[in-house]
């Protein structure tokens, strides 16, 4: 069994395991997603930065010690749903034992900005883009599938996997794609375009796996099927 120095980590999921133990899904910059057994009575919380000391054997880790690694993050209300969405994406898509230093930083930054009350849509789009890049399927906003430069006055469709295809009545304008690439959210339609693009790209990677976090905030989950449910959806719900 290999002991490793203390590492930074977030707990993505906790599951009771045998007596007085927890099975933890950890997210660490050095190892990406890792499963670890924590034998003890101390509680580890979601959405908090920790230092973990681990012993690794084969594909599993055992927690030897844990301590808080930064100030406690206070996520409440809508920010908790957003954080749940981030955790679910990581749990479903991030490979085990694959270094993810930049994505770890993006995750931590997103949690802190959610805590600060920043607008949720740009934050989620920022994280989704970083995740796609980590998975090796980042979107090329410069060229279409034929290798031609994307033009601001041309319309395009996106297939979720191979890129953009020029279409006379495509879903996105080249100007919107440029705005998404450069995070220019003041451009009309840029945020909606980003949501549709990243959702389509993530759907390919999820391969049919449902996201419970979206179901939690869907108008359908409240039983409200009226048109009013769509026109009064809060910004944080619309972000998902």
Protein backbone atom coordinates (compact mmCIF):
# COMPACT_ATOMS: atom_id res chain seq x y z
CA UNK A 1 0.00 0.00 0.00
CA UNK A 2 1.43 3.34 -1.13
CA UNK A 3 1.20 6.37 1.14
CA UNK A 4 1.00 9.76 -0.58
CA UNK A 5 1.65 13.26 0.82
CA UNK A 6 -1.37 15.37 1.85
CA UNK A 7 -3.36 16.43 -1.18
CA UNK A 8 -6.05 19.04 -1.76
CA UNK A 9 -9.46 17.57 -2.37
CA UNK A 10 -13.19 18.16 -2.49
CA UNK A 11 -15.75 15.53 -1.57
CA UNK A 12 -18.14 15.04 -4.49
CA UNK A 13 -20.28 12.35 -2.87
CA UNK A 14 -20.58 10.47 0.44
CA UNK A 15 -22.12 7.03 0.82
CA UNK A 16 -22.41 4.96 4.04
CA UNK A 17 -20.08 1.98 3.86
CA UNK A 18 -20.15 -0.91 6.31
CA UNK A 19 -20.06 0.04 9.98
CA UNK A 20 -18.73 3.47 10.92
CA UNK A 21 -17.29 4.09 7.47
CA UNK A 22 -17.97 6.26 4.45
CA UNK A 23 -17.23 5.73 0.80
CA UNK A 24 -16.04 9.07 -0.55
CA UNK A 25 -15.87 10.20 -4.14
CA UNK A 26 -12.98 12.67 -4.11
CA UNK A 27 -11.88 15.27 -6.63
CA UNK A 28 -8.17 16.07 -6.47
CA UNK A 29 -5.89 18.03 -8.82
CA UNK A 30 -3.24 15.30 -8.91
CA UNK A 31 -5.54 12.31 -9.33
CA UNK A 32 -8.82 13.62 -10.71
CA UNK A 33 -11.69 11.52 -9.43
CA UNK A 34 -10.81 8.91 -6.82
CA UNK A 35 -12.82 6.58 -4.58
CA UNK A 36 -11.67 6.41 -0.97
CA UNK A 37 -12.78 4.68 2.21
CA UNK A 38 -12.94 6.85 5.32
CA UNK A 39 -13.07 4.78 8.50
CA UNK A 40 -14.06 7.13 11.27
CA UNK A 41 -16.84 9.11 12.83
CA UNK A 42 -15.75 12.58 11.69
CA UNK A 43 -17.99 14.12 9.05
CA UNK A 44 -16.63 15.42 5.77
CA UNK A 45 -18.82 17.94 3.99
CA UNK A 46 -19.50 18.60 0.34
CA UNK A 47 -18.30 21.81 -1.31
CA UNK A 48 -15.47 22.40 1.19
CA UNK A 49 -11.68 22.37 0.56
CA UNK A 50 -9.77 19.69 2.45
CA UNK A 51 -6.31 18.23 2.85
CA UNK A 52 -6.47 14.44 2.69
CA UNK A 53 -3.68 12.03 3.55
CA UNK A 54 -4.28 8.82 1.63
CA UNK A 55 -2.95 5.31 1.38
CA UNK A 56 -3.44 3.90 -2.11
CA UNK A 57 -3.72 0.24 -3.03
CA UNK A 58 -4.59 -0.83 -6.55
CA UNK A 59 -7.51 1.36 -7.66
CA UNK A 60 -8.68 2.37 -4.19
CA UNK A 61 -7.58 4.79 -1.51
CA UNK A 62 -7.97 4.77 2.26
CA UNK A 63 -8.18 8.05 4.15
CA UNK A 64 -5.61 8.31 6.91
CA UNK A 65 -6.37 11.88 7.97
CA UNK A 66 -8.35 14.89 6.83
CA UNK A 67 -8.39 18.56 7.74
CA UNK A 68 -10.00 21.71 6.35
CA UNK A 69 -7.69 23.40 3.84
CA UNK A 70 -9.32 26.83 3.55
CA UNK A 71 -12.11 29.01 4.79
CA UNK A 72 -15.52 27.38 5.05
CA UNK A 73 -17.70 28.07 2.02
CA UNK A 74 -21.29 29.02 2.82
CA UNK A 75 -23.46 27.92 -0.08
CA UNK A 76 -27.19 28.41 0.40
CA UNK A 77 -30.37 28.16 -1.63
CA UNK A 78 -29.79 28.32 -5.40
CA UNK A 79 -26.00 28.11 -5.06
CA UNK A 80 -26.38 24.64 -3.52
CA UNK A 81 -28.29 23.41 -6.58
CA UNK A 82 -25.59 24.81 -8.84
CA UNK A 83 -22.86 23.10 -6.79
CA UNK A 84 -24.81 19.84 -6.92
CA UNK A 85 -24.87 20.14 -10.72
CA UNK A 86 -21.09 20.60 -10.81
CA UNK A 87 -20.54 17.59 -8.57
CA UNK A 88 -22.84 15.41 -10.63
CA UNK A 89 -21.07 16.30 -13.88
CA UNK A 90 -17.69 15.52 -12.34
CA UNK A 91 -18.90 12.26 -10.84
CA UNK A 92 -20.32 11.05 -14.15
CA UNK A 93 -17.66 12.27 -16.56
CA UNK A 94 -14.29 12.78 -14.90
CA UNK A 95 -11.97 9.79 -15.33
CA UNK A 96 -10.45 8.20 -12.24
CA UNK A 97 -6.78 8.80 -11.51
CA UNK A 98 -6.43 11.38 -14.30
CA UNK A 99 -4.69 14.65 -13.31
CA UNK A 100 -7.05 17.63 -13.54
CA UNK A 101 -5.19 20.57 -12.03
CA UNK A 102 -6.77 23.32 -14.13
CA UNK A 103 -10.26 21.90 -13.77
CA UNK A 104 -9.78 21.66 -10.00
CA UNK A 105 -8.93 25.35 -9.93
CA UNK A 106 -11.96 26.15 -12.08
CA UNK A 107 -14.22 24.16 -9.74
CA UNK A 108 -12.91 25.92 -6.62
CA UNK A 109 -13.21 29.33 -8.28
CA UNK A 110 -16.78 28.57 -9.36
CA UNK A 111 -17.81 27.59 -5.82
CA UNK A 112 -16.32 30.77 -4.40
CA UNK A 113 -18.05 32.93 -6.99
CA UNK A 114 -21.36 31.16 -6.35
CA UNK A 115 -20.90 31.90 -2.66
CA UNK A 116 -20.30 35.56 -3.55
CA UNK A 117 -23.66 35.69 -5.32
CA UNK A 118 -22.43 36.22 -8.88
CA UNK A 119 -24.78 35.54 -11.79
CA UNK A 120 -25.04 31.79 -12.20
CA UNK A 121 -25.32 31.39 -15.98
CA UNK A 122 -21.84 32.72 -16.86
CA UNK A 123 -20.38 30.69 -13.99
CA UNK A 124 -21.90 27.41 -15.14
CA UNK A 125 -20.93 28.03 -18.76
CA UNK A 126 -17.35 28.75 -17.61
CA UNK A 127 -17.18 25.46 -15.75
CA UNK A 128 -18.85 23.38 -18.48
CA UNK A 129 -16.34 24.68 -20.99
CA UNK A 130 -13.39 23.84 -18.72
CA UNK A 131 -14.80 20.34 -18.18
CA UNK A 132 -15.17 19.69 -21.90
CA UNK A 133 -11.58 20.82 -22.42
CA UNK A 134 -10.43 18.50 -19.63
CA UNK A 135 -12.20 15.61 -21.37
CA UNK A 136 -10.40 16.43 -24.62
CA UNK A 137 -13.55 17.52 -26.46
CA UNK A 138 -13.32 21.29 -26.24
CA UNK A 139 -15.31 23.14 -28.89
CA UNK A 140 -13.42 24.75 -31.80
CA UNK A 141 -14.99 28.18 -32.27
CA UNK A 142 -12.56 29.17 -35.03
CA UNK A 143 -13.34 26.73 -37.84
CA UNK A 144 -16.26 24.66 -39.08
CA UNK A 145 -16.16 20.94 -39.78
CA UNK A 146 -14.78 21.58 -43.28
CA UNK A 147 -11.89 23.61 -41.87
CA UNK A 148 -13.24 26.96 -43.02
CA UNK A 149 -13.09 30.04 -40.81
CA UNK A 150 -16.34 30.70 -38.95
CA UNK A 151 -17.86 33.95 -40.24
CA UNK A 152 -19.93 36.34 -38.17
CA UNK A 153 -22.64 36.71 -40.83
CA UNK A 154 -23.08 32.96 -41.43
CA UNK A 155 -25.38 30.65 -39.54
CA UNK A 156 -24.34 27.25 -38.19
CA UNK A 157 -25.66 24.11 -36.59
CA UNK A 158 -23.70 22.17 -33.98
CA UNK A 159 -23.72 18.39 -33.90
CA UNK A 160 -22.43 18.01 -30.34
CA UNK A 161 -19.34 16.10 -31.36
CA UNK A 162 -17.62 17.17 -34.60
CA UNK A 163 -18.30 20.90 -34.59
CA UNK A 164 -20.15 23.49 -36.63
CA UNK A 165 -21.79 23.01 -40.00
CA UNK A 166 -22.88 26.03 -42.14
CA UNK A 167 -26.66 25.98 -42.58
CA UNK A 168 -28.91 28.61 -44.13
CA UNK A 169 -31.26 28.40 -41.14
CA UNK A 170 -28.75 27.23 -38.56
CA UNK A 171 -29.35 27.64 -34.84
CA UNK A 172 -26.36 29.90 -34.19
CA UNK A 173 -24.87 32.94 -35.87
CA UNK A 174 -21.14 33.23 -36.26
CA UNK A 175 -21.33 36.43 -34.20
CA UNK A 176 -22.89 34.51 -31.32
CA UNK A 177 -20.19 31.85 -31.50
CA UNK A 178 -17.48 34.51 -31.34
CA UNK A 179 -19.21 36.03 -28.32
CA UNK A 180 -19.31 32.66 -26.54
CA UNK A 181 -15.64 32.03 -27.31
CA UNK A 182 -14.65 35.35 -25.74
CA UNK A 183 -17.21 35.33 -22.87
CA UNK A 184 -18.93 38.43 -24.23
CA UNK A 185 -22.22 37.77 -22.50
CA UNK A 186 -23.61 41.21 -23.30
CA UNK A 187 -24.03 40.13 -26.94
CA UNK A 188 -27.71 39.24 -27.55
CA UNK A 189 -28.24 35.50 -27.55
CA UNK A 190 -24.72 34.64 -26.39
CA UNK A 191 -25.68 33.09 -23.05
CA UNK A 192 -28.49 31.04 -24.56
CA UNK A 193 -26.18 29.90 -27.36
CA UNK A 194 -23.55 28.84 -24.82
CA UNK A 195 -26.10 26.88 -22.81
CA UNK A 196 -27.33 25.03 -25.89
CA UNK A 197 -23.82 24.35 -27.20
CA UNK A 198 -22.34 23.04 -23.97
CA UNK A 199 -25.47 21.05 -23.15
CA UNK A 200 -25.29 19.34 -26.54
CA UNK A 201 -21.58 18.59 -26.14
CA UNK A 202 -22.06 17.27 -22.60
CA UNK A 203 -25.02 15.13 -23.70
CA UNK A 204 -22.72 13.26 -26.09
CA UNK A 205 -20.30 12.58 -23.25
CA UNK A 206 -23.09 11.58 -20.84
CA UNK A 207 -24.39 9.08 -23.43
CA UNK A 208 -27.91 8.99 -22.04
CA UNK A 209 -27.05 9.24 -18.34
CA UNK A 210 -29.64 11.50 -16.68
CA UNK A 211 -28.73 14.49 -14.52
CA UNK A 212 -30.80 14.50 -11.34
CA UNK A 213 -29.75 18.04 -10.52
CA UNK A 214 -31.64 19.34 -13.55
CA UNK A 215 -34.74 17.40 -12.56
CA UNK A 216 -34.70 19.01 -9.11
CA UNK A 217 -35.18 22.50 -10.55
CA UNK A 218 -37.38 21.66 -13.54
CA UNK A 219 -40.87 23.28 -13.54
CA UNK A 220 -42.22 19.77 -14.17
CA UNK A 221 -40.85 18.62 -10.82
CA UNK A 222 -43.18 21.08 -9.07
CA UNK A 223 -46.24 19.98 -11.01
CA UNK A 224 -46.54 23.40 -12.67
CA UNK A 225 -47.18 22.77 -16.37
CA UNK A 226 -48.57 26.22 -17.20
CA UNK A 227 -46.92 28.65 -19.65
CA UNK A 228 -46.32 30.92 -16.67
CA UNK A 229 -43.80 28.37 -15.36
CA UNK A 230 -41.51 29.19 -18.27
CA UNK A 231 -41.86 32.98 -18.18
CA UNK A 232 -41.17 33.30 -14.44
CA UNK A 233 -38.29 30.81 -14.11
CA UNK A 234 -35.58 32.45 -11.97
CA UNK A 235 -32.18 33.08 -13.57
CA UNK A 236 -30.52 30.40 -11.48
CA UNK A 237 -33.01 27.75 -12.63
CA UNK A 238 -32.71 28.82 -16.24
CA UNK A 239 -28.95 28.35 -15.98
CA UNK A 240 -29.41 24.57 -15.85
